[in-house]
Amino acid sequence: MDIISLVSSLFITTGALSILVGLLGVYRMPDFYTRLHAASIIDTLGAMLILFGLILYYGLNIVSLKLLLILIFILITTPTAAHALAKSALHGNLKPILKDD
């Protein structure tokens, strides 16, 4: 196993584990806004790590270019979608939980 395969498998494994840890965090969060924040951060991080690992694995060719374009698309759309969901929930009068009583 060469060093590039080892580094790419490390990125892919780290990305998958971060998504699993984020899933646990989303499960434990108290309200919609904190769940949305955790999900969007972890989804972006995990996808970025996994796609970067795949780009390293495939080397410089058309597949890695396509993966890079997917990565850029995810980096643009995930925060935008999370912002739109939070704003629509706020306009729909969904109040955040501010403290435990």
PDB file of N, CA and C in Angstrom:
ATOM      1  N   MET A   1       0.852  -1.174   0.000  1.00  0.00           N
ATOM      2  CA  MET A   1       0.000   0.000   0.000  1.00  0.00           C
ATOM      3  C   MET A   1       0.898   1.237   0.000  1.00  0.00           C
ATOM      4  N   ASP A   2       0.692   2.105  -0.974  1.00  0.00           N
ATOM      5  CA  ASP A   2       1.539   3.288  -1.056  1.00  0.00           C
ATOM      6  C   ASP A   2       1.017   4.404  -0.146  1.00  0.00           C
ATOM      7  N   ILE A   3       1.786   5.464  -0.044  1.00  0.00           N
ATOM      8  CA  ILE A   3       1.485   6.537   0.906  1.00  0.00           C
ATOM      9  C   ILE A   3       0.237   7.317   0.500  1.00  0.00           C
ATOM     10  N   ILE A   4      -0.016   7.471  -0.804  1.00  0.00           N
ATOM     11  CA  ILE A   4      -1.195   8.211  -1.256  1.00  0.00           C
ATOM     12  C   ILE A   4      -2.468   7.449  -0.880  1.00  0.00           C
ATOM     13  N   SER A   5      -2.475   6.148  -1.044  1.00  0.00           N
ATOM     14  CA  SER A   5      -3.638   5.347  -0.661  1.00  0.00           C
ATOM     15  C   SER A   5      -3.867   5.407   0.848  1.00  0.00           C
ATOM     16  N   LEU A   6      -2.795   5.412   1.596  1.00  0.00           N
ATOM     17  CA  LEU A   6      -2.906   5.493   3.049  1.00  0.00           C
ATOM     18  C   LEU A   6      -3.474   6.832   3.496  1.00  0.00           C
ATOM     19  N   VAL A   7      -2.981   7.917   2.913  1.00  0.00           N
ATOM     20  CA  VAL A   7      -3.474   9.258   3.275  1.00  0.00           C
ATOM     21  C   VAL A   7      -4.924   9.436   2.832  1.00  0.00           C
ATOM     22  N   SER A   8      -5.256   8.963   1.640  1.00  0.00           N
ATOM     23  CA  SER A   8      -6.638   9.098   1.174  1.00  0.00           C
ATOM     24  C   SER A   8      -7.600   8.261   2.014  1.00  0.00           C
ATOM     25  N   SER A   9      -7.187   7.070   2.414  1.00  0.00           N
ATOM     26  CA  SER A   9      -8.058   6.265   3.277  1.00  0.00           C
ATOM     27  C   SER A   9      -8.205   6.911   4.657  1.00  0.00           C
ATOM     28  N   LEU A  10      -7.166   7.607   5.118  1.00  0.00           N
ATOM     29  CA  LEU A  10      -7.259   8.339   6.378  1.00  0.00           C
ATOM     30  C   LEU A  10      -8.274   9.479   6.278  1.00  0.00           C
ATOM     31  N   PHE A  11      -8.253  10.226   5.163  1.00  0.00           N
ATOM     32  CA  PHE A  11      -9.226  11.294   4.961  1.00  0.00           C
ATOM     33  C   PHE A  11     -10.648  10.742   4.869  1.00  0.00           C
ATOM     34  N   ILE A  12     -10.820   9.663   4.136  1.00  0.00           N
ATOM     35  CA  ILE A  12     -12.159   9.080   3.967  1.00  0.00           C
ATOM     36  C   ILE A  12     -12.691   8.551   5.295  1.00  0.00           C
ATOM     37  N   THR A  13     -11.850   7.877   6.050  1.00  0.00           N
ATOM     38  CA  THR A  13     -12.269   7.352   7.349  1.00  0.00           C
ATOM     39  C   THR A  13     -12.586   8.471   8.332  1.00  0.00           C
ATOM     40  N   THR A  14     -11.761   9.512   8.343  1.00  0.00           N
ATOM     41  CA  THR A  14     -12.019  10.652   9.226  1.00  0.00           C
ATOM     42  C   THR A  14     -13.325  11.339   8.852  1.00  0.00           C
ATOM     43  N   GLY A  15     -13.594  11.485   7.563  1.00  0.00           N
ATOM     44  CA  GLY A  15     -14.848  12.087   7.120  1.00  0.00           C
ATOM     45  C   GLY A  15     -16.063  11.265   7.517  1.00  0.00           C
ATOM     46  N   ALA A  16     -15.955   9.951   7.361  1.00  0.00           N
ATOM     47  CA  ALA A  16     -17.072   9.083   7.747  1.00  0.00           C
ATOM     48  C   ALA A  16     -17.300   9.101   9.253  1.00  0.00           C
ATOM     49  N   LEU A  17     -16.225   9.100  10.023  1.00  0.00           N
ATOM     50  CA  LEU A  17     -16.368   9.153  11.479  1.00  0.00           C
ATOM     51  C   LEU A  17     -16.926  10.500  11.949  1.00  0.00           C
ATOM     52  N   SER A  18     -16.536  11.572  11.290  1.00  0.00           N
ATOM     53  CA  SER A  18     -17.082  12.876  11.684  1.00  0.00           C
ATOM     54  C   SER A  18     -18.573  12.962  11.378  1.00  0.00           C
ATOM     55  N   ILE A  19     -19.004  12.351  10.300  1.00  0.00           N
ATOM     56  CA  ILE A  19     -20.437  12.328  10.003  1.00  0.00           C
ATOM     57  C   ILE A  19     -21.188  11.511  11.044  1.00  0.00           C
ATOM     58  N   LEU A  20     -20.616  10.396  11.482  1.00  0.00           N
ATOM     59  CA  LEU A  20     -21.263   9.584  12.514  1.00  0.00           C
ATOM     60  C   LEU A  20     -21.323  10.317  13.855  1.00  0.00           C
ATOM     61  N   VAL A  21     -20.258  11.018  14.215  1.00  0.00           N
ATOM     62  CA  VAL A  21     -20.265  11.797  15.456  1.00  0.00           C
ATOM     63  C   VAL A  21     -21.266  12.946  15.345  1.00  0.00           C
ATOM     64  N   GLY A  22     -21.348  13.556  14.182  1.00  0.00           N
ATOM     65  CA  GLY A  22     -22.338  14.614  13.964  1.00  0.00           C
ATOM     66  C   GLY A  22     -23.760  14.102  14.056  1.00  0.00           C
ATOM     67  N   LEU A  23     -23.985  12.881  13.611  1.00  0.00           N
ATOM     68  CA  LEU A  23     -25.303  12.266  13.740  1.00  0.00           C
ATOM     69  C   LEU A  23     -25.693  12.126  15.197  1.00  0.00           C
ATOM     70  N   LEU A  24     -24.761  11.722  16.015  1.00  0.00           N
ATOM     71  CA  LEU A  24     -25.020  11.628  17.451  1.00  0.00           C
ATOM     72  C   LEU A  24     -25.296  13.014  18.046  1.00  0.00           C
ATOM     73  N   GLY A  25     -24.548  14.019  17.598  1.00  0.00           N
ATOM     74  CA  GLY A  25     -24.775  15.382  18.067  1.00  0.00           C
ATOM     75  C   GLY A  25     -26.133  15.915  17.668  1.00  0.00           C
ATOM     76  N   VAL A  26     -26.567  15.617  16.455  1.00  0.00           N
ATOM     77  CA  VAL A  26     -27.897  16.051  16.007  1.00  0.00           C
ATOM     78  C   VAL A  26     -28.980  15.381  16.844  1.00  0.00           C
ATOM     79  N   TYR A  27     -28.762  14.135  17.195  1.00  0.00           N
ATOM     80  CA  TYR A  27     -29.734  13.404  18.010  1.00  0.00           C
ATOM     81  C   TYR A  27     -29.865  14.019  19.403  1.00  0.00           C
ATOM     82  N   ARG A  28     -28.778  14.529  19.954  1.00  0.00           N
ATOM     83  CA  ARG A  28     -28.779  15.027  21.322  1.00  0.00           C
ATOM     84  C   ARG A  28     -29.130  16.503  21.451  1.00  0.00           C
ATOM     85  N   MET A  29     -29.167  17.255  20.358  1.00  0.00           N
ATOM     86  CA  MET A  29     -29.454  18.689  20.441  1.00  0.00           C
ATOM     87  C   MET A  29     -30.915  18.927  20.788  1.00  0.00           C
ATOM     88  N   PRO A  30     -31.208  20.048  21.502  1.00  0.00           N
ATOM     89  CA  PRO A  30     -32.557  20.234  22.032  1.00  0.00           C
ATOM     90  C   PRO A  30     -33.582  20.804  21.052  1.00  0.00           C
ATOM     91  N   ASP A  31     -33.174  21.630  20.099  1.00  0.00           N
ATOM     92  CA  ASP A  31     -34.180  22.253  19.243  1.00  0.00           C
ATOM     93  C   ASP A  31     -33.734  22.251  17.785  1.00  0.00           C
ATOM     94  N   PHE A  32     -34.597  22.779  16.936  1.00  0.00           N
ATOM     95  CA  PHE A  32     -34.393  22.750  15.496  1.00  0.00           C
ATOM     96  C   PHE A  32     -33.133  23.509  15.078  1.00  0.00           C
ATOM     97  N   TYR A  33     -32.918  24.669  15.646  1.00  0.00           N
ATOM     98  CA  TYR A  33     -31.817  25.522  15.219  1.00  0.00           C
ATOM     99  C   TYR A  33     -30.450  24.923  15.549  1.00  0.00           C
ATOM    100  N   THR A  34     -30.314  24.357  16.717  1.00  0.00           N
ATOM    101  CA  THR A  34     -29.030  23.745  17.068  1.00  0.00           C
ATOM    102  C   THR A  34     -28.806  22.458  16.273  1.00  0.00           C
ATOM    103  N   ARG A  35     -29.868  21.726  15.999  1.00  0.00           N
ATOM    104  CA  ARG A  35     -29.739  20.526  15.166  1.00  0.00           C
ATOM    105  C   ARG A  35     -29.343  20.898  13.741  1.00  0.00           C
ATOM    106  N   LEU A  36     -29.954  21.953  13.233  1.00  0.00           N
ATOM    107  CA  LEU A  36     -29.633  22.403  11.881  1.00  0.00           C
ATOM    108  C   LEU A  36     -28.189  22.880  11.798  1.00  0.00           C
ATOM    109  N   HIS A  37     -27.739  23.599  12.797  1.00  0.00           N
ATOM    110  CA  HIS A  37     -26.357  24.079  12.821  1.00  0.00           C
ATOM    111  C   HIS A  37     -25.375  22.916  12.863  1.00  0.00           C
ATOM    112  N   ALA A  38     -25.632  21.972  13.741  1.00  0.00           N
ATOM    113  CA  ALA A  38     -24.736  20.811  13.849  1.00  0.00           C
ATOM    114  C   ALA A  38     -24.733  19.989  12.562  1.00  0.00           C
ATOM    115  N   ALA A  39     -25.897  19.808  11.980  1.00  0.00           N
ATOM    116  CA  ALA A  39     -25.982  18.994  10.766  1.00  0.00           C
ATOM    117  C   ALA A  39     -25.275  19.662   9.595  1.00  0.00           C
ATOM    118  N   SER A  40     -25.431  20.967   9.456  1.00  0.00           N
ATOM    119  CA  SER A  40     -24.810  21.628   8.309  1.00  0.00           C
ATOM    120  C   SER A  40     -23.290  21.688   8.455  1.00  0.00           C
ATOM    121  N   ILE A  41     -22.798  21.923   9.661  1.00  0.00           N
ATOM    122  CA  ILE A  41     -21.352  21.975   9.869  1.00  0.00           C
ATOM    123  C   ILE A  41     -20.728  20.602   9.619  1.00  0.00           C
ATOM    124  N   ILE A  42     -21.299  19.575  10.216  1.00  0.00           N
ATOM    125  CA  ILE A  42     -20.728  18.238  10.107  1.00  0.00           C
ATOM    126  C   ILE A  42     -20.893  17.675   8.695  1.00  0.00           C
ATOM    127  N   ASP A  43     -22.005  17.969   8.050  1.00  0.00           N
ATOM    128  CA  ASP A  43     -22.217  17.498   6.687  1.00  0.00           C
ATOM    129  C   ASP A  43     -21.173  18.099   5.747  1.00  0.00           C
ATOM    130  N   THR A  44     -20.911  19.374   5.893  1.00  0.00           N
ATOM    131  CA  THR A  44     -19.914  20.025   5.054  1.00  0.00           C
ATOM    132  C   THR A  44     -18.519  19.493   5.334  1.00  0.00           C
ATOM    133  N   LEU A  45     -18.171  19.349   6.596  1.00  0.00           N
ATOM    134  CA  LEU A  45     -16.849  18.844   6.959  1.00  0.00           C
ATOM    135  C   LEU A  45     -16.647  17.406   6.486  1.00  0.00           C
ATOM    136  N   GLY A  46     -17.622  16.554   6.740  1.00  0.00           N
ATOM    137  CA  GLY A  46     -17.500  15.148   6.351  1.00  0.00           C
ATOM    138  C   GLY A  46     -17.421  14.971   4.847  1.00  0.00           C
ATOM    139  N   ALA A  47     -18.270  15.689   4.114  1.00  0.00           N
ATOM    140  CA  ALA A  47     -18.231  15.592   2.659  1.00  0.00           C
ATOM    141  C   ALA A  47     -16.919  16.130   2.105  1.00  0.00           C
ATOM    142  N   MET A  48     -16.410  17.207   2.718  1.00  0.00           N
ATOM    143  CA  MET A  48     -15.150  17.777   2.272  1.00  0.00           C
ATOM    144  C   MET A  48     -13.998  16.782   2.472  1.00  0.00           C
ATOM    145  N   LEU A  49     -13.954  16.144   3.631  1.00  0.00           N
ATOM    146  CA  LEU A  49     -12.889  15.177   3.899  1.00  0.00           C
ATOM    147  C   LEU A  49     -12.982  13.950   2.995  1.00  0.00           C
ATOM    148  N   ILE A  50     -14.192  13.449   2.806  1.00  0.00           N
ATOM    149  CA  ILE A  50     -14.368  12.262   1.964  1.00  0.00           C
ATOM    150  C   ILE A  50     -14.016  12.567   0.510  1.00  0.00           C
ATOM    151  N   LEU A  51     -14.505  13.693   0.003  1.00  0.00           N
ATOM    152  CA  LEU A  51     -14.207  14.032  -1.385  1.00  0.00           C
ATOM    153  C   LEU A  51     -12.729  14.348  -1.596  1.00  0.00           C
ATOM    154  N   PHE A  52     -12.096  15.002  -0.623  1.00  0.00           N
ATOM    155  CA  PHE A  52     -10.670  15.264  -0.741  1.00  0.00           C
ATOM    156  C   PHE A  52      -9.877  13.956  -0.730  1.00  0.00           C
ATOM    157  N   GLY A  53     -10.293  13.004   0.076  1.00  0.00           N
ATOM    158  CA  GLY A  53      -9.645  11.690   0.073  1.00  0.00           C
ATOM    159  C   GLY A  53      -9.810  10.980  -1.255  1.00  0.00           C
ATOM    160  N   LEU A  54     -10.987  11.096  -1.855  1.00  0.00           N
ATOM    161  CA  LEU A  54     -11.203  10.475  -3.169  1.00  0.00           C
ATOM    162  C   LEU A  54     -10.402  11.167  -4.256  1.00  0.00           C
ATOM    163  N   ILE A  55     -10.264  12.496  -4.164  1.00  0.00           N
ATOM    164  CA  ILE A  55      -9.443  13.221  -5.136  1.00  0.00           C
ATOM    165  C   ILE A  55      -7.988  12.755  -5.045  1.00  0.00           C
ATOM    166  N   LEU A  56      -7.485  12.587  -3.818  1.00  0.00           N
ATOM    167  CA  LEU A  56      -6.116  12.086  -3.660  1.00  0.00           C
ATOM    168  C   LEU A  56      -5.968  10.673  -4.210  1.00  0.00           C
ATOM    169  N   TYR A  57      -6.973   9.847  -4.003  1.00  0.00           N
ATOM    170  CA  TYR A  57      -6.906   8.456  -4.439  1.00  0.00           C
ATOM    171  C   TYR A  57      -6.867   8.342  -5.965  1.00  0.00           C
ATOM    172  N   TYR A  58      -7.678   9.143  -6.659  1.00  0.00           N
ATOM    173  CA  TYR A  58      -7.751   9.041  -8.113  1.00  0.00           C
ATOM    174  C   TYR A  58      -6.642   9.794  -8.837  1.00  0.00           C
ATOM    175  N   GLY A  59      -5.950  10.704  -8.173  1.00  0.00           N
ATOM    176  CA  GLY A  59      -4.861  11.423  -8.831  1.00  0.00           C
ATOM    177  C   GLY A  59      -5.384  12.544  -9.710  1.00  0.00           C
ATOM    178  N   LEU A  60      -4.553  13.004 -10.621  1.00  0.00           N
ATOM    179  CA  LEU A  60      -4.930  14.107 -11.503  1.00  0.00           C
ATOM    180  C   LEU A  60      -5.520  13.559 -12.801  1.00  0.00           C
ATOM    181  N   ASN A  61      -6.842  13.496 -12.860  1.00  0.00           N
ATOM    182  CA  ASN A  61      -7.538  13.107 -14.076  1.00  0.00           C
ATOM    183  C   ASN A  61      -8.934  13.723 -14.065  1.00  0.00           C
ATOM    184  N   ILE A  62      -9.769  13.321 -14.979  1.00  0.00           N
ATOM    185  CA  ILE A  62     -11.102  13.915 -15.116  1.00  0.00           C
ATOM    186  C   ILE A  62     -11.999  13.572 -13.925  1.00  0.00           C
ATOM    187  N   VAL A  63     -11.779  12.427 -13.315  1.00  0.00           N
ATOM    188  CA  VAL A  63     -12.586  12.034 -12.159  1.00  0.00           C
ATOM    189  C   VAL A  63     -12.322  12.971 -10.989  1.00  0.00           C
ATOM    190  N   SER A  64     -11.060  13.302 -10.760  1.00  0.00           N
ATOM    191  CA  SER A  64     -10.746  14.215  -9.659  1.00  0.00           C
ATOM    192  C   SER A  64     -11.254  15.623  -9.940  1.00  0.00           C
ATOM    193  N   LEU A  65     -11.296  16.030 -11.202  1.00  0.00           N
ATOM    194  CA  LEU A  65     -11.872  17.324 -11.547  1.00  0.00           C
ATOM    195  C   LEU A  65     -13.369  17.349 -11.239  1.00  0.00           C
ATOM    196  N   LYS A  66     -14.054  16.277 -11.575  1.00  0.00           N
ATOM    197  CA  LYS A  66     -15.482  16.182 -11.272  1.00  0.00           C
ATOM    198  C   LYS A  66     -15.731  16.172  -9.766  1.00  0.00           C
ATOM    199  N   LEU A  67     -14.891  15.468  -9.029  1.00  0.00           N
ATOM    200  CA  LEU A  67     -15.016  15.453  -7.570  1.00  0.00           C
ATOM    201  C   LEU A  67     -14.753  16.834  -6.974  1.00  0.00           C
ATOM    202  N   LEU A  68     -13.807  17.571  -7.551  1.00  0.00           N
ATOM    203  CA  LEU A  68     -13.535  18.935  -7.100  1.00  0.00           C
ATOM    204  C   LEU A  68     -14.730  19.846  -7.356  1.00  0.00           C
ATOM    205  N   LEU A  69     -15.368  19.684  -8.495  1.00  0.00           N
ATOM    206  CA  LEU A  69     -16.571  20.478  -8.790  1.00  0.00           C
ATOM    207  C   LEU A  69     -17.709  20.132  -7.833  1.00  0.00           C
ATOM    208  N   ILE A  70     -17.861  18.866  -7.492  1.00  0.00           N
ATOM    209  CA  ILE A  70     -18.862  18.459  -6.508  1.00  0.00           C
ATOM    210  C   ILE A  70     -18.551  19.063  -5.153  1.00  0.00           C
ATOM    211  N   LEU A  71     -17.284  19.077  -4.780  1.00  0.00           N
ATOM    212  CA  LEU A  71     -16.854  19.667  -3.513  1.00  0.00           C
ATOM    213  C   LEU A  71     -17.172  21.158  -3.461  1.00  0.00           C
ATOM    214  N   ILE A  72     -16.886  21.872  -4.522  1.00  0.00           N
ATOM    215  CA  ILE A  72     -17.206  23.309  -4.569  1.00  0.00           C
ATOM    216  C   ILE A  72     -18.705  23.521  -4.491  1.00  0.00           C
ATOM    217  N   PHE A  73     -19.474  22.699  -5.188  1.00  0.00           N
ATOM    218  CA  PHE A  73     -20.934  22.813  -5.145  1.00  0.00           C
ATOM    219  C   PHE A  73     -21.466  22.577  -3.725  1.00  0.00           C
ATOM    220  N   ILE A  74     -20.937  21.591  -3.033  1.00  0.00           N
ATOM    221  CA  ILE A  74     -21.372  21.307  -1.664  1.00  0.00           C
ATOM    222  C   ILE A  74     -20.988  22.443  -0.727  1.00  0.00           C
ATOM    223  N   LEU A  75     -19.791  23.000  -0.902  1.00  0.00           N
ATOM    224  CA  LEU A  75     -19.353  24.099  -0.050  1.00  0.00           C
ATOM    225  C   LEU A  75     -20.199  25.362  -0.237  1.00  0.00           C
ATOM    226  N   ILE A  76     -20.794  25.516  -1.402  1.00  0.00           N
ATOM    227  CA  ILE A  76     -21.658  26.678  -1.644  1.00  0.00           C
ATOM    228  C   ILE A  76     -23.086  26.411  -1.192  1.00  0.00           C
ATOM    229  N   THR A  77     -23.625  25.228  -1.503  1.00  0.00           N
ATOM    230  CA  THR A  77     -25.045  24.998  -1.288  1.00  0.00           C
ATOM    231  C   THR A  77     -25.428  24.609   0.135  1.00  0.00           C
ATOM    232  N   THR A  78     -24.583  23.899   0.856  1.00  0.00           N
ATOM    233  CA  THR A  78     -24.961  23.451   2.200  1.00  0.00           C
ATOM    234  C   THR A  78     -25.169  24.611   3.174  1.00  0.00           C
ATOM    235  N   PRO A  79     -24.248  25.574   3.276  1.00  0.00           N
ATOM    236  CA  PRO A  79     -24.530  26.709   4.175  1.00  0.00           C
ATOM    237  C   PRO A  79     -25.705  27.558   3.710  1.00  0.00           C
ATOM    238  N   THR A  80     -25.877  27.688   2.397  1.00  0.00           N
ATOM    239  CA  THR A  80     -26.995  28.461   1.872  1.00  0.00           C
ATOM    240  C   THR A  80     -28.329  27.798   2.210  1.00  0.00           C
ATOM    241  N   ALA A  81     -28.400  26.490   2.062  1.00  0.00           N
ATOM    242  CA  ALA A  81     -29.624  25.761   2.385  1.00  0.00           C
ATOM    243  C   ALA A  81     -29.920  25.807   3.881  1.00  0.00           C
ATOM    244  N   ALA A  82     -28.891  25.704   4.715  1.00  0.00           N
ATOM    245  CA  ALA A  82     -29.095  25.785   6.163  1.00  0.00           C
ATOM    246  C   ALA A  82     -29.598  27.163   6.564  1.00  0.00           C
ATOM    247  N   HIS A  83     -29.051  28.195   5.942  1.00  0.00           N
ATOM    248  CA  HIS A  83     -29.512  29.554   6.236  1.00  0.00           C
ATOM    249  C   HIS A  83     -30.962  29.745   5.818  1.00  0.00           C
ATOM    250  N   ALA A  84     -31.323  29.229   4.640  1.00  0.00           N
ATOM    251  CA  ALA A  84     -32.705  29.353   4.167  1.00  0.00           C
ATOM    252  C   ALA A  84     -33.671  28.598   5.072  1.00  0.00           C
ATOM    253  N   LEU A  85     -33.293  27.418   5.531  1.00  0.00           N
ATOM    254  CA  LEU A  85     -34.150  26.656   6.446  1.00  0.00           C
ATOM    255  C   LEU A  85     -34.323  27.369   7.781  1.00  0.00           C
ATOM    256  N   ALA A  86     -33.242  27.915   8.316  1.00  0.00           N
ATOM    257  CA  ALA A  86     -33.332  28.626   9.597  1.00  0.00           C
ATOM    258  C   ALA A  86     -34.171  29.886   9.461  1.00  0.00           C
ATOM    259  N   LYS A  87     -34.008  30.591   8.362  1.00  0.00           N
ATOM    260  CA  LYS A  87     -34.778  31.820   8.162  1.00  0.00           C
ATOM    261  C   LYS A  87     -36.263  31.521   7.975  1.00  0.00           C
ATOM    262  N   SER A  88     -36.584  30.459   7.251  1.00  0.00           N
ATOM    263  CA  SER A  88     -37.997  30.117   7.072  1.00  0.00           C
ATOM    264  C   SER A  88     -38.609  29.613   8.376  1.00  0.00           C
ATOM    265  N   ALA A  89     -37.833  28.916   9.193  1.00  0.00           N
ATOM    266  CA  ALA A  89     -38.348  28.480  10.492  1.00  0.00           C
ATOM    267  C   ALA A  89     -38.577  29.667  11.406  1.00  0.00           C
ATOM    268  N   LEU A  90     -37.704  30.650  11.342  1.00  0.00           N
ATOM    269  CA  LEU A  90     -37.870  31.857  12.153  1.00  0.00           C
ATOM    270  C   LEU A  90     -39.086  32.656  11.700  1.00  0.00           C
ATOM    271  N   HIS A  91     -39.292  32.755  10.396  1.00  0.00           N
ATOM    272  CA  HIS A  91     -40.481  33.448   9.892  1.00  0.00           C
ATOM    273  C   HIS A  91     -41.753  32.659  10.145  1.00  0.00           C
ATOM    274  N   GLY A  92     -41.628  31.359  10.327  1.00  0.00           N
ATOM    275  CA  GLY A  92     -42.776  30.521  10.658  1.00  0.00           C
ATOM    276  C   GLY A  92     -43.056  30.474  12.152  1.00  0.00           C
ATOM    277  N   ASN A  93     -42.414  31.354  12.908  1.00  0.00           N
ATOM    278  CA  ASN A  93     -42.605  31.501  14.359  1.00  0.00           C
ATOM    279  C   ASN A  93     -42.173  30.270  15.151  1.00  0.00           C
ATOM    280  N   LEU A  94     -41.156  29.586  14.702  1.00  0.00           N
ATOM    281  CA  LEU A  94     -40.565  28.506  15.477  1.00  0.00           C
ATOM    282  C   LEU A  94     -39.505  29.123  16.377  1.00  0.00           C
ATOM    283  N   LYS A  95     -39.786  29.147  17.656  1.00  0.00           N
ATOM    284  CA  LYS A  95     -38.895  29.802  18.620  1.00  0.00           C
ATOM    285  C   LYS A  95     -37.805  28.846  19.076  1.00  0.00           C
ATOM    286  N   PRO A  96     -36.577  29.368  19.227  1.00  0.00           N
ATOM    287  CA  PRO A  96     -35.508  28.517  19.766  1.00  0.00           C
ATOM    288  C   PRO A  96     -35.654  28.335  21.264  1.00  0.00           C
ATOM    289  N   ILE A  97     -35.110  27.237  21.763  1.00  0.00           N
ATOM    290  CA  ILE A  97     -35.081  26.998  23.209  1.00  0.00           C
ATOM    291  C   ILE A  97     -33.899  27.770  23.763  1.00  0.00           C
ATOM    292  N   LEU A  98     -34.161  28.715  24.638  1.00  0.00           N
ATOM    293  CA  LEU A  98     -33.086  29.576  25.133  1.00  0.00           C
ATOM    294  C   LEU A  98     -32.448  29.064  26.414  1.00  0.00           C
ATOM    295  N   LYS A  99     -33.224  28.421  27.280  1.00  0.00           N
ATOM    296  CA  LYS A  99     -32.646  27.852  28.494  1.00  0.00           C
ATOM    297  C   LYS A  99     -33.549  26.745  29.001  1.00  0.00           C
ATOM    298  N   ASP A 100     -32.966  25.831  29.765  1.00  0.00           N
ATOM    299  CA  ASP A 100     -33.737  24.752  30.378  1.00  0.00           C
ATOM    300  C   ASP A 100     -34.330  25.243  31.681  1.00  0.00           C
ATOM    301  N   ASP A 101     -35.609  25.010  31.861  1.00  0.00           N
ATOM    302  CA  ASP A 101     -36.281  25.379  33.110  1.00  0.00           C
ATOM    303  C   ASP A 101     -36.637  24.167  33.911  1.00  0.00           C
TER     304      ASP A 101
END
